[in-house]
């Protein structure tokens, strides 16, 4: 259950710093002069950080199995697909934060706080999301960590496969779509 918590920080924070660094250095003006659209720019920035997050997920899964002796009872491919979707959603969240912040410090702390609080308190790590009510339940259902937590726990301890996890995959893909579209809308084509 710790894998989703650790896995959200690195892609989200690194991605959040990616676009903001270009804003601070002024190199984002290359976007304005290039034929690339805002969406192409954002997706191009996101992919390396998603790849790095996948490497991180693989290392954590290997450590979980070999170092800590937790057997993977379910499908490795089901876990890998969940990790892929989760890392892309996490980096998309960092992308969204980077489009609304103007300094690297603000992006770093904003991303850290906005990922840490929901991931630890409302994802199901401490208490199941199904037992939460009101705002806590809304937060639990409004952040990708709770869905990947179900995938990680399901594949490692409950031997769940693709069919049982399909709704979680769709929800993670939905988070990615929403975060990328919001980032696309909030990133100005030219600075004012």
N, C-alpha and C. Protein backbone atom coordinates (compact mmCIF):
# COMPACT_ATOMS: atom_id res chain seq x y z
N UNK A 1 0.82 -1.21 0.00
CA UNK A 1 0.00 0.00 0.00
C UNK A 1 0.85 1.26 0.00
N UNK A 2 2.13 1.14 0.28
CA UNK A 2 3.00 2.32 0.31
C UNK A 2 3.44 2.71 -1.10
N UNK A 3 3.43 1.77 -2.04
CA UNK A 3 3.88 2.07 -3.41
C UNK A 3 3.12 3.25 -4.01
N UNK A 4 1.78 3.29 -3.95
CA UNK A 4 1.09 4.45 -4.54
C UNK A 4 1.46 5.78 -3.90
N UNK A 5 1.71 5.77 -2.61
CA UNK A 5 2.06 7.02 -1.92
C UNK A 5 3.42 7.52 -2.40
N UNK A 6 4.38 6.62 -2.45
CA UNK A 6 5.72 7.02 -2.90
C UNK A 6 5.75 7.35 -4.39
N UNK A 7 4.94 6.64 -5.16
CA UNK A 7 4.99 6.79 -6.60
C UNK A 7 4.36 8.09 -7.10
N UNK A 8 3.52 8.71 -6.31
CA UNK A 8 2.89 9.94 -6.80
C UNK A 8 3.82 11.14 -6.68
N UNK A 9 4.72 11.11 -5.73
CA UNK A 9 5.55 12.30 -5.49
C UNK A 9 6.54 12.59 -6.61
N UNK A 10 7.29 11.61 -7.04
CA UNK A 10 8.38 11.87 -7.99
C UNK A 10 7.88 12.36 -9.33
N UNK A 11 6.96 11.66 -10.01
CA UNK A 11 6.51 12.19 -11.30
C UNK A 11 5.80 13.54 -11.19
N UNK A 12 4.97 13.69 -10.16
CA UNK A 12 4.21 14.94 -10.03
C UNK A 12 5.13 16.12 -9.74
N UNK A 13 6.05 15.95 -8.82
CA UNK A 13 6.93 17.07 -8.46
C UNK A 13 7.90 17.39 -9.59
N UNK A 14 8.51 16.39 -10.20
CA UNK A 14 9.43 16.66 -11.30
C UNK A 14 8.71 17.32 -12.47
N UNK A 15 7.50 16.86 -12.76
CA UNK A 15 6.74 17.46 -13.86
C UNK A 15 6.35 18.89 -13.53
N UNK A 16 5.96 19.13 -12.29
CA UNK A 16 5.57 20.49 -11.90
C UNK A 16 6.72 21.46 -12.07
N UNK A 17 7.93 20.99 -11.80
CA UNK A 17 9.09 21.86 -11.95
C UNK A 17 9.48 22.07 -13.42
N UNK A 18 9.09 21.14 -14.27
CA UNK A 18 9.49 21.18 -15.68
C UNK A 18 9.03 22.43 -16.42
N UNK A 19 7.74 22.71 -16.40
CA UNK A 19 7.21 23.86 -17.14
C UNK A 19 7.55 25.16 -16.42
N UNK A 20 7.48 25.14 -15.10
CA UNK A 20 7.77 26.36 -14.33
C UNK A 20 9.22 26.81 -14.54
N UNK A 21 10.12 25.85 -14.63
CA UNK A 21 11.53 26.20 -14.88
C UNK A 21 11.65 26.96 -16.20
N UNK A 22 10.92 26.51 -17.20
CA UNK A 22 10.95 27.20 -18.49
C UNK A 22 10.35 28.60 -18.38
N UNK A 23 9.32 28.75 -17.56
CA UNK A 23 8.75 30.08 -17.35
C UNK A 23 9.77 31.00 -16.70
N UNK A 24 10.45 30.50 -15.68
CA UNK A 24 11.43 31.33 -14.97
C UNK A 24 12.63 31.69 -15.84
N UNK A 25 13.09 30.73 -16.64
CA UNK A 25 14.26 30.99 -17.49
C UNK A 25 13.91 31.78 -18.74
N UNK A 26 12.65 31.82 -19.08
CA UNK A 26 12.23 32.53 -20.27
C UNK A 26 12.27 31.68 -21.52
N UNK A 27 12.67 30.42 -21.39
CA UNK A 27 12.75 29.56 -22.57
C UNK A 27 11.38 29.09 -23.04
N UNK A 28 10.33 29.41 -22.28
CA UNK A 28 8.98 29.05 -22.74
C UNK A 28 8.60 29.89 -23.95
N UNK A 29 9.33 30.97 -24.20
CA UNK A 29 9.06 31.76 -25.40
C UNK A 29 9.33 30.96 -26.66
N UNK A 30 10.15 29.92 -26.55
CA UNK A 30 10.36 29.02 -27.70
C UNK A 30 9.04 28.36 -28.11
N UNK A 31 8.18 28.09 -27.13
CA UNK A 31 6.86 27.54 -27.44
C UNK A 31 6.07 28.52 -28.28
N UNK A 32 6.14 29.78 -27.92
CA UNK A 32 5.36 30.78 -28.63
C UNK A 32 5.83 30.96 -30.06
N UNK A 33 7.11 30.74 -30.30
CA UNK A 33 7.67 30.91 -31.64
C UNK A 33 7.62 29.63 -32.47
N UNK A 34 7.34 28.51 -31.83
CA UNK A 34 7.36 27.23 -32.54
C UNK A 34 5.98 26.91 -33.12
N UNK A 35 5.95 26.00 -34.09
CA UNK A 35 4.65 25.59 -34.63
C UNK A 35 3.93 24.58 -33.73
N UNK A 36 4.55 24.16 -32.65
CA UNK A 36 3.93 23.19 -31.74
C UNK A 36 2.74 23.82 -31.03
N UNK A 37 1.69 23.05 -30.89
CA UNK A 37 0.52 23.54 -30.16
C UNK A 37 0.80 23.42 -28.65
N UNK A 38 -0.06 24.04 -27.88
CA UNK A 38 0.10 23.94 -26.42
C UNK A 38 -0.01 22.49 -25.96
N UNK A 39 -0.94 21.75 -26.56
CA UNK A 39 -1.13 20.35 -26.17
C UNK A 39 0.10 19.52 -26.51
N UNK A 40 0.67 19.73 -27.69
CA UNK A 40 1.88 19.00 -28.06
C UNK A 40 3.03 19.34 -27.13
N UNK A 41 3.14 20.60 -26.76
CA UNK A 41 4.18 21.03 -25.82
C UNK A 41 3.99 20.34 -24.48
N UNK A 42 2.78 20.34 -23.95
CA UNK A 42 2.52 19.74 -22.65
C UNK A 42 2.76 18.23 -22.66
N UNK A 43 2.27 17.56 -23.68
CA UNK A 43 2.47 16.11 -23.75
C UNK A 43 3.94 15.76 -23.95
N UNK A 44 4.64 16.57 -24.72
CA UNK A 44 6.08 16.35 -24.90
C UNK A 44 6.86 16.53 -23.62
N UNK A 45 6.43 17.48 -22.79
CA UNK A 45 7.08 17.67 -21.49
C UNK A 45 6.75 16.52 -20.54
N UNK A 46 5.54 15.98 -20.65
CA UNK A 46 5.07 14.97 -19.71
C UNK A 46 5.72 13.60 -19.92
N UNK A 47 5.95 13.20 -21.13
CA UNK A 47 6.38 11.82 -21.41
C UNK A 47 7.69 11.42 -20.73
N UNK A 48 8.75 12.24 -20.72
CA UNK A 48 9.97 11.79 -20.02
C UNK A 48 9.75 11.55 -18.52
N UNK A 49 8.92 12.39 -17.90
CA UNK A 49 8.67 12.22 -16.47
C UNK A 49 7.81 11.00 -16.20
N UNK A 50 6.90 10.70 -17.12
CA UNK A 50 6.11 9.48 -16.98
C UNK A 50 7.01 8.25 -17.13
N UNK A 51 7.96 8.32 -18.06
CA UNK A 51 8.92 7.21 -18.22
C UNK A 51 9.76 7.01 -16.98
N UNK A 52 10.21 8.10 -16.39
CA UNK A 52 10.98 8.01 -15.15
C UNK A 52 10.13 7.43 -14.03
N UNK A 53 8.87 7.81 -13.98
CA UNK A 53 7.96 7.25 -12.98
C UNK A 53 7.76 5.75 -13.15
N UNK A 54 7.72 5.29 -14.40
CA UNK A 54 7.58 3.85 -14.65
C UNK A 54 8.80 3.08 -14.17
N UNK A 55 9.98 3.64 -14.38
CA UNK A 55 11.19 3.01 -13.86
C UNK A 55 11.11 2.94 -12.34
N UNK A 56 10.66 4.01 -11.73
CA UNK A 56 10.49 4.06 -10.28
C UNK A 56 9.49 3.00 -9.81
N UNK A 57 8.39 2.83 -10.55
CA UNK A 57 7.38 1.82 -10.19
C UNK A 57 7.97 0.42 -10.28
N UNK A 58 8.75 0.16 -11.32
CA UNK A 58 9.36 -1.16 -11.48
C UNK A 58 10.33 -1.45 -10.33
N UNK A 59 11.13 -0.46 -9.97
CA UNK A 59 12.08 -0.64 -8.86
C UNK A 59 11.33 -0.91 -7.56
N UNK A 60 10.28 -0.15 -7.31
CA UNK A 60 9.50 -0.37 -6.08
C UNK A 60 8.84 -1.74 -6.06
N UNK A 61 8.32 -2.19 -7.20
CA UNK A 61 7.70 -3.51 -7.24
C UNK A 61 8.74 -4.60 -6.99
N UNK A 62 9.92 -4.45 -7.59
CA UNK A 62 11.00 -5.43 -7.37
C UNK A 62 11.42 -5.45 -5.90
N UNK A 63 11.57 -4.29 -5.30
CA UNK A 63 11.93 -4.22 -3.88
C UNK A 63 10.86 -4.85 -3.01
N UNK A 64 9.62 -4.62 -3.36
CA UNK A 64 8.51 -5.19 -2.59
C UNK A 64 8.55 -6.71 -2.60
N UNK A 65 8.81 -7.27 -3.77
CA UNK A 65 8.82 -8.73 -3.90
C UNK A 65 10.10 -9.34 -3.34
N UNK A 66 11.25 -8.81 -3.75
CA UNK A 66 12.51 -9.47 -3.40
C UNK A 66 13.07 -9.05 -2.05
N UNK A 67 12.98 -7.79 -1.71
CA UNK A 67 13.56 -7.35 -0.44
C UNK A 67 12.61 -7.58 0.73
N UNK A 68 11.34 -7.25 0.52
CA UNK A 68 10.39 -7.36 1.63
C UNK A 68 9.60 -8.67 1.62
N UNK A 69 9.76 -9.47 0.58
CA UNK A 69 9.14 -10.79 0.54
C UNK A 69 7.63 -10.79 0.38
N UNK A 70 7.06 -9.75 -0.20
CA UNK A 70 5.62 -9.71 -0.44
C UNK A 70 5.37 -10.36 -1.80
N UNK A 71 4.64 -11.47 -1.83
CA UNK A 71 4.43 -12.14 -3.13
C UNK A 71 3.42 -11.38 -3.98
N UNK A 72 3.66 -11.40 -5.28
CA UNK A 72 2.72 -10.83 -6.23
C UNK A 72 1.77 -11.95 -6.65
N UNK A 73 0.59 -11.98 -6.05
CA UNK A 73 -0.35 -13.07 -6.28
C UNK A 73 -1.15 -12.89 -7.56
N UNK A 74 -1.31 -11.64 -7.99
CA UNK A 74 -2.09 -11.36 -9.20
C UNK A 74 -1.20 -11.25 -10.42
N UNK A 75 -1.74 -10.62 -11.41
CA UNK A 75 -1.05 -10.48 -12.69
C UNK A 75 -0.05 -9.32 -12.66
N UNK A 76 1.17 -9.61 -13.06
CA UNK A 76 2.20 -8.57 -13.17
C UNK A 76 1.80 -7.55 -14.22
N UNK A 77 1.22 -8.01 -15.32
CA UNK A 77 0.78 -7.09 -16.37
C UNK A 77 -0.36 -6.19 -15.90
N UNK A 78 -1.25 -6.72 -15.07
CA UNK A 78 -2.33 -5.90 -14.52
C UNK A 78 -1.76 -4.80 -13.62
N UNK A 79 -0.76 -5.16 -12.83
CA UNK A 79 -0.10 -4.16 -11.99
C UNK A 79 0.63 -3.14 -12.85
N UNK A 80 1.32 -3.61 -13.89
CA UNK A 80 2.09 -2.71 -14.76
C UNK A 80 1.19 -1.73 -15.49
N UNK A 81 0.03 -2.20 -15.97
CA UNK A 81 -0.91 -1.29 -16.63
C UNK A 81 -1.42 -0.24 -15.65
N UNK A 82 -1.73 -0.67 -14.43
CA UNK A 82 -2.16 0.28 -13.41
C UNK A 82 -1.09 1.29 -13.09
N UNK A 83 0.17 0.82 -12.98
CA UNK A 83 1.29 1.72 -12.70
C UNK A 83 1.47 2.72 -13.84
N UNK A 84 1.35 2.26 -15.09
CA UNK A 84 1.47 3.15 -16.24
C UNK A 84 0.42 4.25 -16.19
N UNK A 85 -0.82 3.87 -16.00
CA UNK A 85 -1.91 4.85 -15.95
C UNK A 85 -1.75 5.80 -14.77
N UNK A 86 -1.31 5.27 -13.65
CA UNK A 86 -1.13 6.09 -12.45
C UNK A 86 0.00 7.09 -12.61
N UNK A 87 1.11 6.65 -13.16
CA UNK A 87 2.25 7.55 -13.36
C UNK A 87 1.89 8.65 -14.36
N UNK A 88 1.15 8.30 -15.39
CA UNK A 88 0.73 9.31 -16.35
C UNK A 88 -0.23 10.29 -15.68
N UNK A 89 -1.14 9.79 -14.84
CA UNK A 89 -2.05 10.69 -14.12
C UNK A 89 -1.29 11.57 -13.14
N UNK A 90 -0.30 11.01 -12.44
CA UNK A 90 0.49 11.79 -11.48
C UNK A 90 1.28 12.88 -12.19
N UNK A 91 1.89 12.54 -13.32
CA UNK A 91 2.65 13.56 -14.04
C UNK A 91 1.71 14.59 -14.66
N UNK A 92 0.51 14.18 -15.05
CA UNK A 92 -0.47 15.13 -15.57
C UNK A 92 -0.91 16.10 -14.46
N UNK A 93 -1.01 15.60 -13.23
CA UNK A 93 -1.33 16.49 -12.12
C UNK A 93 -0.21 17.51 -11.91
N UNK A 94 1.03 17.06 -11.97
CA UNK A 94 2.16 17.97 -11.88
C UNK A 94 2.16 18.99 -13.01
N UNK A 95 1.75 18.54 -14.18
CA UNK A 95 1.63 19.44 -15.33
C UNK A 95 0.60 20.52 -15.06
N UNK A 96 -0.52 20.13 -14.48
CA UNK A 96 -1.57 21.09 -14.15
C UNK A 96 -1.06 22.11 -13.14
N UNK A 97 -0.38 21.65 -12.10
CA UNK A 97 0.16 22.57 -11.09
C UNK A 97 1.17 23.52 -11.73
N UNK A 98 1.98 23.01 -12.64
CA UNK A 98 3.01 23.85 -13.25
C UNK A 98 2.43 24.94 -14.13
N UNK A 99 1.25 24.73 -14.66
CA UNK A 99 0.66 25.76 -15.51
C UNK A 99 0.04 26.89 -14.71
N UNK A 100 -0.28 26.64 -13.44
CA UNK A 100 -0.91 27.70 -12.64
C UNK A 100 0.06 28.36 -11.66
N UNK A 101 1.28 27.88 -11.57
CA UNK A 101 2.27 28.50 -10.69
C UNK A 101 3.32 29.20 -11.53
N UNK A 102 4.00 30.16 -10.90
CA UNK A 102 4.99 30.92 -11.67
C UNK A 102 6.41 30.76 -11.15
N UNK A 103 6.59 30.12 -10.00
CA UNK A 103 7.95 29.90 -9.50
C UNK A 103 8.13 28.42 -9.16
N UNK A 104 9.38 27.98 -9.19
CA UNK A 104 9.67 26.58 -8.88
C UNK A 104 9.36 26.25 -7.43
N UNK A 105 9.58 27.18 -6.53
CA UNK A 105 9.28 26.94 -5.11
C UNK A 105 7.79 26.74 -4.91
N UNK A 106 6.98 27.59 -5.54
CA UNK A 106 5.53 27.44 -5.43
C UNK A 106 5.07 26.12 -6.04
N UNK A 107 5.64 25.75 -7.17
CA UNK A 107 5.28 24.49 -7.81
C UNK A 107 5.68 23.30 -6.94
N UNK A 108 6.87 23.36 -6.36
CA UNK A 108 7.35 22.27 -5.51
C UNK A 108 6.46 22.09 -4.28
N UNK A 109 6.25 23.17 -3.54
CA UNK A 109 5.45 23.04 -2.32
C UNK A 109 3.98 22.79 -2.62
N UNK A 110 3.46 23.43 -3.66
CA UNK A 110 2.07 23.20 -4.03
C UNK A 110 1.82 21.75 -4.41
N UNK A 111 2.68 21.20 -5.23
CA UNK A 111 2.53 19.81 -5.65
C UNK A 111 2.70 18.86 -4.46
N UNK A 112 3.69 19.14 -3.63
CA UNK A 112 3.92 18.27 -2.48
C UNK A 112 2.70 18.24 -1.56
N UNK A 113 2.18 19.39 -1.24
CA UNK A 113 1.03 19.44 -0.32
C UNK A 113 -0.22 18.87 -0.98
N UNK A 114 -0.44 19.21 -2.25
CA UNK A 114 -1.65 18.75 -2.93
C UNK A 114 -1.61 17.25 -3.27
N UNK A 115 -0.44 16.65 -3.25
CA UNK A 115 -0.38 15.20 -3.45
C UNK A 115 -0.28 14.44 -2.13
N UNK A 116 0.43 15.01 -1.17
CA UNK A 116 0.64 14.31 0.09
C UNK A 116 -0.65 14.17 0.91
N UNK A 117 -1.34 15.26 1.12
CA UNK A 117 -2.53 15.21 1.97
C UNK A 117 -3.60 14.24 1.46
N UNK A 118 -4.03 14.36 0.20
CA UNK A 118 -5.04 13.39 -0.26
C UNK A 118 -4.51 11.96 -0.33
N UNK A 119 -3.25 11.80 -0.71
CA UNK A 119 -2.70 10.45 -0.87
C UNK A 119 -2.61 9.71 0.45
N UNK A 120 -2.24 10.38 1.50
CA UNK A 120 -2.09 9.71 2.79
C UNK A 120 -3.41 9.65 3.55
N UNK A 121 -4.12 10.75 3.60
CA UNK A 121 -5.32 10.81 4.45
C UNK A 121 -6.58 10.24 3.82
N UNK A 122 -6.73 10.36 2.49
CA UNK A 122 -8.02 10.03 1.89
C UNK A 122 -7.97 8.92 0.83
N UNK A 123 -6.83 8.29 0.63
CA UNK A 123 -6.71 7.30 -0.45
C UNK A 123 -7.12 5.90 -0.02
N UNK A 124 -7.29 5.68 1.25
CA UNK A 124 -7.59 4.35 1.74
C UNK A 124 -6.40 3.73 2.45
N UNK A 125 -5.32 4.45 2.56
CA UNK A 125 -4.14 3.93 3.26
C UNK A 125 -4.41 3.78 4.75
N UNK A 126 -5.06 4.77 5.33
CA UNK A 126 -5.35 4.75 6.76
C UNK A 126 -6.70 4.08 7.04
N UNK A 127 -7.72 4.51 6.30
CA UNK A 127 -9.06 3.94 6.44
C UNK A 127 -9.63 3.75 5.04
N UNK A 128 -10.40 2.70 4.82
CA UNK A 128 -10.97 2.47 3.49
C UNK A 128 -11.82 3.65 3.03
N UNK A 129 -11.74 3.97 1.75
CA UNK A 129 -12.51 5.07 1.19
C UNK A 129 -14.00 4.79 1.35
N UNK A 130 -14.39 3.53 1.27
CA UNK A 130 -15.81 3.16 1.40
C UNK A 130 -16.36 3.48 2.79
N UNK A 131 -15.50 3.60 3.79
CA UNK A 131 -15.98 3.91 5.14
C UNK A 131 -16.02 5.42 5.41
N UNK A 132 -15.53 6.22 4.47
CA UNK A 132 -15.51 7.67 4.65
C UNK A 132 -16.85 8.26 4.23
N UNK A 133 -17.14 9.44 4.78
CA UNK A 133 -18.37 10.13 4.41
C UNK A 133 -18.09 11.61 4.21
N UNK A 134 -19.01 12.29 3.59
CA UNK A 134 -18.89 13.73 3.40
C UNK A 134 -17.70 14.13 2.56
N UNK A 135 -17.01 15.17 3.02
CA UNK A 135 -15.86 15.70 2.30
C UNK A 135 -14.71 14.73 2.18
N UNK A 136 -14.54 13.89 3.21
CA UNK A 136 -13.45 12.90 3.16
C UNK A 136 -13.69 11.90 2.04
N UNK A 137 -14.93 11.45 1.88
CA UNK A 137 -15.26 10.52 0.80
C UNK A 137 -15.09 11.19 -0.55
N UNK A 138 -15.48 12.45 -0.64
CA UNK A 138 -15.31 13.20 -1.89
C UNK A 138 -13.84 13.32 -2.25
N UNK A 139 -13.01 13.63 -1.28
CA UNK A 139 -11.56 13.70 -1.52
C UNK A 139 -11.00 12.34 -1.92
N UNK A 140 -11.46 11.29 -1.27
CA UNK A 140 -10.99 9.94 -1.58
C UNK A 140 -11.31 9.53 -3.01
N UNK A 141 -12.46 9.95 -3.50
CA UNK A 141 -12.86 9.60 -4.86
C UNK A 141 -12.36 10.60 -5.90
N UNK A 142 -11.79 11.70 -5.45
CA UNK A 142 -11.36 12.76 -6.36
C UNK A 142 -9.86 12.82 -6.60
N UNK A 143 -9.16 11.75 -6.24
CA UNK A 143 -7.71 11.78 -6.41
C UNK A 143 -7.24 10.40 -6.86
N UNK A 144 -6.28 10.33 -7.79
CA UNK A 144 -5.88 9.04 -8.37
C UNK A 144 -5.27 8.04 -7.40
N UNK A 145 -4.72 8.49 -6.29
CA UNK A 145 -4.02 7.56 -5.38
C UNK A 145 -4.94 6.47 -4.86
N UNK A 146 -6.20 6.79 -4.60
CA UNK A 146 -7.10 5.77 -4.06
C UNK A 146 -7.37 4.66 -5.07
N UNK A 147 -7.36 4.99 -6.35
CA UNK A 147 -7.61 3.98 -7.38
C UNK A 147 -6.38 3.09 -7.60
N UNK A 148 -5.21 3.69 -7.61
CA UNK A 148 -4.02 2.85 -7.77
C UNK A 148 -3.74 2.05 -6.50
N UNK A 149 -4.11 2.58 -5.36
CA UNK A 149 -3.97 1.81 -4.12
C UNK A 149 -4.79 0.52 -4.22
N UNK A 150 -5.99 0.61 -4.76
CA UNK A 150 -6.82 -0.58 -4.94
C UNK A 150 -6.18 -1.54 -5.94
N UNK A 151 -5.53 -1.00 -6.99
CA UNK A 151 -4.86 -1.85 -7.97
C UNK A 151 -3.65 -2.54 -7.34
N UNK A 152 -2.83 -1.78 -6.62
CA UNK A 152 -1.63 -2.35 -6.01
C UNK A 152 -1.98 -3.42 -4.98
N UNK A 153 -2.90 -3.11 -4.09
CA UNK A 153 -3.30 -4.08 -3.07
C UNK A 153 -4.00 -5.27 -3.73
N UNK A 154 -4.81 -4.99 -4.73
CA UNK A 154 -5.53 -6.07 -5.41
C UNK A 154 -4.62 -7.03 -6.14
N UNK A 155 -3.59 -6.52 -6.80
CA UNK A 155 -2.70 -7.42 -7.54
C UNK A 155 -1.74 -8.14 -6.60
N UNK A 156 -1.27 -7.47 -5.57
CA UNK A 156 -0.31 -8.11 -4.67
C UNK A 156 -0.96 -9.08 -3.70
N UNK A 157 -2.09 -8.75 -3.14
CA UNK A 157 -2.63 -9.59 -2.06
C UNK A 157 -3.90 -10.36 -2.41
N UNK A 158 -4.66 -9.88 -3.42
CA UNK A 158 -5.94 -10.52 -3.72
C UNK A 158 -5.97 -11.26 -5.05
N UNK A 159 -4.86 -11.28 -5.75
CA UNK A 159 -4.75 -11.97 -7.04
C UNK A 159 -5.76 -11.47 -8.06
N UNK A 160 -5.99 -10.17 -8.07
CA UNK A 160 -6.94 -9.60 -9.03
C UNK A 160 -6.26 -9.43 -10.38
N UNK A 161 -7.06 -9.56 -11.43
CA UNK A 161 -6.56 -9.41 -12.79
C UNK A 161 -7.22 -8.23 -13.49
N UNK A 162 -7.10 -8.22 -14.81
CA UNK A 162 -7.58 -7.11 -15.62
C UNK A 162 -9.08 -6.86 -15.46
N UNK A 163 -9.87 -7.92 -15.49
CA UNK A 163 -11.32 -7.77 -15.46
C UNK A 163 -11.79 -7.09 -14.17
N UNK A 164 -11.25 -7.51 -13.05
CA UNK A 164 -11.66 -6.93 -11.77
C UNK A 164 -11.18 -5.49 -11.60
N UNK A 165 -10.08 -5.16 -12.26
CA UNK A 165 -9.48 -3.83 -12.09
C UNK A 165 -9.85 -2.85 -13.20
N UNK A 166 -10.62 -3.30 -14.19
CA UNK A 166 -10.96 -2.44 -15.33
C UNK A 166 -11.58 -1.10 -14.92
N UNK A 167 -12.51 -1.06 -13.96
CA UNK A 167 -13.05 0.26 -13.57
C UNK A 167 -11.98 1.20 -13.01
N UNK A 168 -11.03 0.66 -12.29
CA UNK A 168 -9.95 1.48 -11.73
C UNK A 168 -9.06 2.05 -12.85
N UNK A 169 -8.81 1.22 -13.87
CA UNK A 169 -8.02 1.69 -15.02
C UNK A 169 -8.73 2.86 -15.71
N UNK A 170 -10.02 2.71 -15.91
CA UNK A 170 -10.78 3.76 -16.58
C UNK A 170 -10.79 5.06 -15.76
N UNK A 171 -10.89 4.92 -14.45
CA UNK A 171 -10.88 6.11 -13.60
C UNK A 171 -9.53 6.81 -13.65
N UNK A 172 -8.44 6.05 -13.65
CA UNK A 172 -7.12 6.66 -13.76
C UNK A 172 -6.94 7.36 -15.11
N UNK A 173 -7.43 6.73 -16.17
CA UNK A 173 -7.37 7.37 -17.49
C UNK A 173 -8.20 8.65 -17.51
N UNK A 174 -9.32 8.63 -16.81
CA UNK A 174 -10.16 9.83 -16.72
C UNK A 174 -9.45 10.97 -16.00
N UNK A 175 -8.74 10.66 -14.93
CA UNK A 175 -7.97 11.69 -14.23
C UNK A 175 -6.93 12.31 -15.16
N UNK A 176 -6.25 11.47 -15.93
CA UNK A 176 -5.24 11.97 -16.87
C UNK A 176 -5.87 12.93 -17.86
N UNK A 177 -6.98 12.53 -18.42
CA UNK A 177 -7.66 13.36 -19.41
C UNK A 177 -8.07 14.71 -18.82
N UNK A 178 -8.65 14.69 -17.64
CA UNK A 178 -9.09 15.93 -17.00
C UNK A 178 -7.89 16.83 -16.68
N UNK A 179 -6.83 16.27 -16.10
CA UNK A 179 -5.67 17.08 -15.73
C UNK A 179 -4.99 17.69 -16.96
N UNK A 180 -4.84 16.90 -18.02
CA UNK A 180 -4.17 17.41 -19.22
C UNK A 180 -5.03 18.48 -19.90
N UNK A 181 -6.33 18.26 -19.97
CA UNK A 181 -7.20 19.27 -20.59
C UNK A 181 -7.22 20.57 -19.78
N UNK A 182 -7.24 20.46 -18.46
CA UNK A 182 -7.18 21.67 -17.63
C UNK A 182 -5.85 22.40 -17.81
N UNK A 183 -4.75 21.65 -17.85
CA UNK A 183 -3.44 22.26 -18.06
C UNK A 183 -3.39 22.94 -19.43
N UNK A 184 -3.96 22.30 -20.44
CA UNK A 184 -4.00 22.86 -21.79
C UNK A 184 -4.77 24.17 -21.82
N UNK A 185 -5.90 24.19 -21.13
CA UNK A 185 -6.72 25.40 -21.10
C UNK A 185 -6.06 26.53 -20.30
N UNK A 186 -5.32 26.17 -19.26
CA UNK A 186 -4.73 27.19 -18.37
C UNK A 186 -3.37 27.70 -18.83
N UNK A 187 -2.72 26.98 -19.74
CA UNK A 187 -1.42 27.44 -20.24
C UNK A 187 -1.67 28.44 -21.36
N UNK A 188 -1.26 29.68 -21.15
CA UNK A 188 -1.51 30.67 -22.21
C UNK A 188 -0.63 30.40 -23.42
N UNK A 189 -1.17 30.71 -24.59
CA UNK A 189 -0.37 30.55 -25.81
C UNK A 189 0.76 31.57 -25.84
N UNK A 190 0.51 32.74 -25.28
CA UNK A 190 1.54 33.76 -25.17
C UNK A 190 1.38 34.46 -23.83
N UNK A 191 2.51 34.84 -23.26
CA UNK A 191 2.49 35.60 -22.00
C UNK A 191 1.90 36.97 -22.27
N UNK A 192 1.18 37.49 -21.32
CA UNK A 192 0.58 38.82 -21.48
C UNK A 192 1.47 39.88 -20.88
